[in-house]
Amino acid sequence: MGKGDDLMYRAEAYHKWRVEGKKLRPYDFKKQRGVTPQINEIFKDTEWLDQNGEPYDTHPNNGKRWYHRGTPYQPKRAPFEFTEKELDWYQHNVRKYEPYIVINPDAKANSVYHDNKKWYHWQNLIDQMQEHTLLRVQPANVTQHYSNINQVITHTFRQAMLAVKNAQLVITTEGGLHHAAGQFQTPCVVIYGSHSSPHSTGYSEQHAITSITHCNPTGKGCHADWPCQYCERAMEEITAEQVMTEINQYIQHKQIKIGN
């Protein structure tokens, strides 16, 4: 599962645990394999997940996830605690940029869905937002360069989550960090295009930028497991100016003040 999938599963398990009181073990029943909570970085140090807990299906929708191929779904939330080491990392590397906006051009960088979910105009957007303090939480294995933005190298997804938790606003495509923002209720503008849909992976308070295309006529998402020309074109046609309009409306509505 991806990081966003892990966060959604973790929250589903939390609400089941709250009702039934039994610790749970992440388990894919169709593939007959489990996930060790102590090893998975999203699941570790989670009170309701345990290697010896009751198996709880990670893919309950006929062997797929809750939201598979446009199934209507509202991701849940669950408490998330950070370690003292992670909090110390934040103090030494990120706190100096407060208050800041997280810009995330790195979503799905190493995913089969990258071509369908990547957005093409990050540098243009960054250049238009210079009145704000911008922060990129760059994974250590990603080398794509962007100028005019503060960059912090992250070695774990949890470090990126901590930066998202304390951000004033997050700008990202659909993926792990938009789910992190949803978990913490951090304001977020999500560039979906046509491959995915907020009807399946969206959080109610987030602003979604979507596209109706030949492959996504109903708005429920294309969800192709291969490069899709319509999804790629949809992301290319979403302009930096369109995203800026959403950002400005959000900032004005929420009265967020973020500047250098």
Protein backbone atom coordinates (compact mmCIF):
# COMPACT_ATOMS: atom_id res chain seq x y z
CA MET A 1 0.00 0.00 0.00
CA GLY A 2 1.06 3.62 -0.47
CA LYS A 3 1.43 6.10 2.39
CA GLY A 4 -2.04 7.54 1.81
CA ASP A 5 -3.51 4.03 1.79
CA ASP A 6 -1.73 3.30 5.07
CA LEU A 7 -3.18 6.44 6.65
CA MET A 8 -6.70 5.54 5.50
CA TYR A 9 -6.35 1.99 6.80
CA ARG A 10 -4.91 3.21 10.09
CA ALA A 11 -7.92 5.49 10.61
CA GLU A 12 -10.41 2.74 9.71
CA ALA A 13 -8.72 0.46 12.22
CA TYR A 14 -8.83 3.19 14.88
CA HIS A 15 -12.60 3.57 14.63
CA LYS A 16 -13.11 -0.21 14.69
CA TRP A 17 -10.86 -0.44 17.77
CA ARG A 18 -12.81 2.35 19.48
CA VAL A 19 -16.04 0.40 19.01
CA GLU A 20 -14.84 -3.15 19.69
CA GLY A 21 -11.85 -2.58 21.98
CA LYS A 22 -9.67 -5.19 20.22
CA LYS A 23 -6.22 -4.45 18.85
CA LEU A 24 -5.91 -5.19 15.15
CA ARG A 25 -3.33 -6.60 12.78
CA PRO A 26 -3.12 -5.29 9.19
CA TYR A 27 -3.76 -8.28 6.92
CA ASP A 28 -4.49 -8.70 3.20
CA PHE A 29 -6.91 -11.63 3.19
CA LYS A 30 -6.97 -12.07 -0.60
CA LYS A 31 -3.18 -12.30 -0.87
CA GLN A 32 -2.86 -14.05 2.51
CA ARG A 33 -0.17 -11.76 3.83
CA GLY A 34 0.16 -9.40 6.74
CA VAL A 35 1.95 -6.14 7.46
CA THR A 36 4.10 -5.91 10.57
CA PRO A 37 2.91 -2.77 12.43
CA GLN A 38 6.25 -2.36 14.20
CA ILE A 39 8.09 -2.12 10.86
CA ASN A 40 5.69 -0.02 8.75
CA GLU A 41 6.49 3.63 9.55
CA ILE A 42 2.84 4.74 9.43
CA PHE A 43 1.63 1.87 11.63
CA LYS A 44 4.44 1.82 14.20
CA ASP A 45 3.83 3.25 17.69
CA THR A 46 0.06 2.99 17.06
CA GLU A 47 -1.86 1.85 20.12
CA TRP A 48 -4.58 -0.02 18.24
CA LEU A 49 -2.31 -1.94 15.81
CA ASP A 50 -0.38 -4.97 17.01
CA GLN A 51 1.36 -7.95 15.42
CA ASN A 52 -0.67 -10.24 17.70
CA GLY A 53 -3.97 -8.44 17.16
CA GLU A 54 -7.08 -9.64 15.35
CA PRO A 55 -6.50 -9.69 11.56
CA TYR A 56 -8.27 -6.75 9.88
CA ASP A 57 -8.50 -6.66 6.09
CA THR A 58 -6.43 -3.98 4.33
CA HIS A 59 -8.32 -4.59 1.04
CA PRO A 60 -11.98 -5.20 1.95
CA ASN A 61 -13.54 -4.13 -1.36
CA ASN A 62 -13.35 -7.51 -3.14
CA GLY A 63 -9.60 -7.62 -2.65
CA LYS A 64 -9.23 -3.91 -3.32
CA ARG A 65 -9.19 -0.83 -1.10
CA TRP A 66 -12.31 0.98 0.14
CA TYR A 67 -12.22 3.58 -2.62
CA HIS A 68 -11.25 1.25 -5.51
CA ARG A 69 -12.15 2.64 -8.96
CA GLY A 70 -14.48 5.38 -7.89
CA THR A 71 -16.29 3.71 -4.99
CA PRO A 72 -17.70 6.62 -2.92
CA TYR A 73 -15.63 6.90 0.24
CA GLN A 74 -14.92 9.47 2.94
CA PRO A 75 -11.49 8.96 4.56
CA LYS A 76 -11.61 8.94 8.34
CA ARG A 77 -9.18 10.51 10.80
CA ALA A 78 -7.20 9.09 13.71
CA PRO A 79 -4.81 10.51 16.34
CA PHE A 80 -1.15 10.58 15.32
CA GLU A 81 1.76 10.96 17.71
CA PHE A 82 5.34 11.85 16.84
CA THR A 83 8.46 10.74 18.71
CA GLU A 84 10.77 13.07 20.61
CA LYS A 85 13.41 12.46 17.94
CA GLU A 86 11.00 13.55 15.21
CA LEU A 87 9.95 16.64 17.15
CA ASP A 88 13.62 17.51 17.66
CA TRP A 89 14.21 17.14 13.90
CA TYR A 90 11.39 19.61 13.31
CA GLN A 91 12.79 22.13 15.77
CA HIS A 92 16.21 22.07 14.12
CA ASN A 93 15.15 21.94 10.46
CA VAL A 94 11.67 23.36 9.93
CA ARG A 95 10.57 25.64 12.75
CA LYS A 96 12.67 28.55 11.47
CA TYR A 97 10.40 28.81 8.40
CA GLU A 98 7.16 29.30 10.36
CA PRO A 99 4.62 30.38 9.25
CA TYR A 100 4.94 28.61 5.92
CA ILE A 101 3.09 27.01 3.01
CA VAL A 102 4.11 23.50 1.98
CA ILE A 103 4.49 23.08 -1.79
CA ASN A 104 4.69 19.42 -2.79
CA PRO A 105 5.87 18.77 -6.37
CA ASP A 106 7.15 15.30 -5.40
CA ALA A 107 3.91 13.31 -5.05
CA LYS A 108 3.96 9.88 -6.73
CA ALA A 109 7.53 10.48 -7.93
CA ASN A 110 8.29 6.76 -7.87
CA SER A 111 4.79 5.43 -8.55
CA VAL A 112 3.22 3.62 -11.50
CA TYR A 113 0.64 6.43 -11.43
CA HIS A 114 3.23 9.21 -11.78
CA ASP A 115 2.49 10.06 -15.42
CA ASN A 116 -1.25 10.36 -14.72
CA LYS A 117 -0.93 12.38 -11.52
CA LYS A 118 2.07 14.66 -12.08
CA TRP A 119 1.40 18.36 -12.54
CA TYR A 120 3.54 20.32 -14.99
CA HIS A 121 3.58 23.89 -13.69
CA TRP A 122 5.15 23.82 -10.22
CA GLN A 123 7.94 26.28 -10.96
CA ASN A 124 5.48 28.76 -12.44
CA LEU A 125 3.32 28.50 -9.33
CA ILE A 126 6.31 28.90 -7.02
CA ASP A 127 7.41 32.00 -8.88
CA GLN A 128 3.94 33.53 -8.47
CA MET A 129 3.94 32.90 -4.70
CA GLN A 130 7.08 34.73 -3.68
CA GLU A 131 5.23 36.98 -1.22
CA HIS A 132 4.74 33.85 0.92
CA THR A 133 7.22 31.66 2.78
CA LEU A 134 7.30 28.44 0.79
CA LEU A 135 8.66 25.10 1.94
CA ARG A 136 9.31 21.91 -0.01
CA VAL A 137 9.67 18.75 2.06
CA GLN A 138 11.84 16.94 -0.45
CA PRO A 139 12.34 13.15 -0.16
CA ALA A 140 16.03 12.28 0.02
CA ASN A 141 15.79 10.07 -3.09
CA VAL A 142 14.26 12.78 -5.33
CA THR A 143 16.66 15.01 -7.27
CA GLN A 144 14.33 17.25 -9.34
CA HIS A 145 15.38 20.87 -8.76
CA TYR A 146 13.09 23.85 -8.12
CA SER A 147 14.27 27.40 -7.47
CA ASN A 148 12.91 30.20 -5.25
CA ILE A 149 11.67 27.83 -2.54
CA ASN A 150 13.03 26.73 0.84
CA GLN A 151 13.83 23.03 0.77
CA VAL A 152 14.14 20.57 3.65
CA ILE A 153 15.33 17.03 2.94
CA THR A 154 13.15 14.39 4.61
CA HIS A 155 14.38 10.86 5.27
CA THR A 156 11.03 9.48 6.38
CA PHE A 157 7.43 10.16 5.43
CA ARG A 158 6.71 10.87 9.09
CA GLN A 159 9.08 13.86 8.94
CA ALA A 160 7.12 15.20 5.96
CA MET A 161 3.89 14.62 7.89
CA LEU A 162 5.20 16.68 10.81
CA ALA A 163 5.95 19.59 8.47
CA VAL A 164 2.45 19.28 7.02
CA LYS A 165 0.87 19.23 10.48
CA ASN A 166 2.40 22.61 11.30
CA ALA A 167 1.89 24.25 7.90
CA GLN A 168 -0.56 27.07 7.33
CA LEU A 169 -1.50 25.62 3.94
CA VAL A 170 -0.49 22.66 1.71
CA ILE A 171 -0.49 22.64 -2.11
CA THR A 172 -0.15 19.15 -3.58
CA THR A 173 -1.45 16.63 -6.04
CA GLU A 174 -3.49 13.68 -4.76
CA GLY A 175 -1.32 11.36 -2.67
CA GLY A 176 0.31 10.79 0.69
CA LEU A 177 0.70 14.44 1.75
CA HIS A 178 -2.89 15.36 0.91
CA HIS A 179 -3.92 12.50 3.19
CA ALA A 180 -1.53 13.75 5.87
CA ALA A 181 -3.12 17.20 5.60
CA GLY A 182 -6.53 15.57 5.89
CA GLN A 183 -5.52 13.68 9.02
CA PHE A 184 -4.36 16.89 10.72
CA GLN A 185 -7.04 19.11 9.17
CA THR A 186 -4.32 21.31 7.72
CA PRO A 187 -5.79 23.57 4.98
CA CYS A 188 -5.02 22.01 1.60
CA VAL A 189 -5.52 22.65 -2.11
CA VAL A 190 -5.36 19.34 -4.02
CA ILE A 191 -4.68 19.14 -7.77
CA TYR A 192 -6.56 16.00 -8.81
CA GLY A 193 -6.96 16.33 -12.57
CA SER A 194 -8.94 13.36 -13.88
CA HIS A 195 -7.14 10.24 -12.64
CA SER A 196 -8.39 10.33 -9.04
CA SER A 197 -11.43 11.94 -7.47
CA PRO A 198 -12.26 13.72 -4.19
CA HIS A 199 -15.43 11.58 -4.16
CA SER A 200 -13.19 8.68 -3.13
CA THR A 201 -10.09 10.09 -1.44
CA GLY A 202 -11.07 13.66 -0.55
CA TYR A 203 -11.53 15.39 2.80
CA SER A 204 -14.50 17.72 3.15
CA GLU A 205 -12.55 20.86 4.08
CA GLN A 206 -10.02 20.59 1.24
CA HIS A 207 -10.22 22.49 -2.06
CA ALA A 208 -10.04 20.10 -5.03
CA ILE A 209 -9.11 21.00 -8.60
CA THR A 210 -10.58 18.36 -10.91
CA SER A 211 -11.10 17.77 -14.64
CA ILE A 212 -13.91 16.11 -16.58
CA THR A 213 -12.34 14.19 -19.48
CA HIS A 214 -13.03 11.37 -21.95
CA CYS A 215 -11.65 8.89 -19.40
CA ASN A 216 -13.46 10.55 -16.48
CA PRO A 217 -16.90 11.65 -17.76
CA THR A 218 -18.67 11.30 -14.39
CA GLY A 219 -16.04 12.88 -12.16
CA LYS A 220 -15.42 9.63 -10.28
CA GLY A 221 -11.88 9.30 -11.64
CA CYS A 222 -10.16 7.35 -14.41
CA HIS A 223 -8.05 5.13 -12.12
CA ALA A 224 -6.10 3.59 -15.03
CA ASP A 225 -3.11 1.47 -14.00
CA TRP A 226 -1.25 2.57 -17.14
CA PRO A 227 -0.28 5.94 -18.65
CA CYS A 228 -3.47 7.67 -19.82
CA GLN A 229 -3.22 10.43 -22.43
CA TYR A 230 -6.41 12.08 -21.15
CA CYS A 231 -5.18 12.19 -17.54
CA GLU A 232 -1.82 13.58 -18.63
CA ARG A 233 -3.47 16.23 -20.80
CA ALA A 234 -5.85 17.19 -17.99
CA MET A 235 -2.95 17.85 -15.62
CA GLU A 236 -1.07 19.81 -18.27
CA GLU A 237 -4.12 22.00 -18.92
CA ILE A 238 -4.54 22.98 -15.25
CA THR A 239 -2.64 26.28 -15.14
CA ALA A 240 -0.67 27.90 -12.35
CA GLU A 241 -3.11 30.82 -12.55
CA GLN A 242 -6.02 28.45 -11.90
CA VAL A 243 -4.28 27.03 -8.85
CA MET A 244 -3.40 30.53 -7.65
CA THR A 245 -7.08 31.49 -7.81
CA GLU A 246 -7.94 28.60 -5.49
CA ILE A 247 -5.07 29.45 -3.16
CA ASN A 248 -6.02 33.13 -2.92
CA GLN A 249 -9.66 32.31 -2.27
CA TYR A 250 -8.64 29.90 0.45
CA ILE A 251 -6.23 32.33 2.10
CA GLN A 252 -8.77 35.16 2.03
CA HIS A 253 -11.62 32.98 3.25
CA LYS A 254 -9.59 31.52 6.12
CA GLN A 255 -7.80 34.84 6.77
CA ILE A 256 -4.48 33.06 6.69
CA LYS A 257 -1.46 35.36 6.93
CA ILE A 258 1.70 33.89 5.47
CA GLY A 259 4.52 36.15 4.36
CA ASN A 260 8.25 36.72 4.34
